[in-house]
Amino acid sequence: MINQTYLAMLSHKSVIRELSEYATARAAEIGNDNVFDFSLGNPSVPAPESFRASLLGLLDGMDPVRLHGYSPSLGIPEVKEKVAASLNRRFGMDYRAEHIFPTSGAAGALAHAVRAVTEPGDTVLVFAPYFPEYNPYIEGTGAHIRVVPAKTEDFQIDFERLSEYLTEDVAAVLINSPNNPSGAVYSEATLRRLAEMMESREREFGHAIFLISDEPYREICFDGKTVPYTAKFYDNTLTCYSFSKSLSIPGERIGYVAVSPRCESAAQLVPVMGQISRGIGHNCPASLIMRAMADNLDQTADLSVYETNMNLLYNKFKELGFSVVRPGGTFYLFPKALERDSAAFCRKALKYDLVFVPGDGFGGPGYFRVAYCLDTEKVRRSLPVIERFVREEYPDGSAF
């Protein structure tokens, strides 16, 4: 008989993917230029030329049997050494190769990290708003997700609520900074306070509480600022990273878990992830992509377009009277809808071929996500359409 758990999931498909598929079908009808698809967080800038050069160099210059052969189950040693050295150089850490576990993107990193530090029945805390796929990532391990309510004035952590939720059954806390969908960046003060609270609860409960830091947007930050590196503030940190956004190569599915050398059982966690791979059929990312990634650790695509797009849209939404927190990074805005039902708001927007994602699935009912990873020219053309939508559908302003 077909697995009933996954069969049931068919009725709860990703709203983001469904809207993206709608936008693609609509574009086939009326032309891509006429559909303003803000649904899917798919990078809109090309990978750096250095990445292409690395691929060609590897294909032309490396023994094909070695290049395309199986890699070790814990990753290619020289790749891991380069990743550790880059993190140490950039963030003042002390990783070694044995602390790095290459994965198939951030999703693969999270799949391994959550399984490595939880048992079935444990609780993993996340903070609203959060990426909806955290639900199957966590529940699929046998652990339970529990969502700490949002602090909507700035989308930083609500520490009073966290204090209530950080109970003895919590094995891990999962954070995402810069955040999808809000664009919020946790400040150094926020991370220090989080570390202090978690250390206090570790002493009280007598067991480790791991911090899983999901950082695929780390390089997309605004106003000339940098994103604080979470593992500097809390010893029991597993950093999950993807090059999908920084190198603009989401289809290549490449990332890693970096285990803080000060983690409890640090020497065992990467080998444990190797065993987890046996159970979930991960079996290493592609060798060619691993090696090309390792040649481009300190490179990025031209990410400046995202700040340009953010300012255009943020200013327009503010001008139109929306309540919206200015992002510190990512390529997302998370405005408050002009009526309580954000799904109804987004359905009205579809009449204008504006594709927004309701915030309910992100733990942010009443809000909607705008993924502005589009060409800037198209973002500019969307602005009068957004204004017309608001003026015609909400002539008296907010509906509540």
Foldseek 3Di string as FASTA:
>chain_A
DPDVVVVVCVVVDDLLVVLVVVLVVVCVVVNNLQFAAQRDQAFQFAFDVLLVVLLVCCVPPPDVCVLQDAAPLQGHQVLLQLLQVVCCVPAVARFHSLQKGKFQFLLRALLQVLLLFDAQAAEEEEEPLADLCVQCSNVVSNYHYDYQYAPPVQRQDPVVSVLVVPDLRAREYEYEACGPAALAAHDPVSLLVVQVSQVVVCVVNVHHYAYEYEYAFQPFFDPPDGGRDNCVRHQRYKYGYGQCAFRVCSVQRITIIGGGPSHDVSSCSSVVSSVVCVVVVGSHGGSSSSSSCSVAVPHGTPNVVLVVLLVLVVVLCVVQPWDWHRHRGDNKTKTFALEQAQVVSQVLLVVSSHHWAASVSSSDGRIIMGRRSHGVVSSVVCSVSVVVSCCVVPVPTRPD
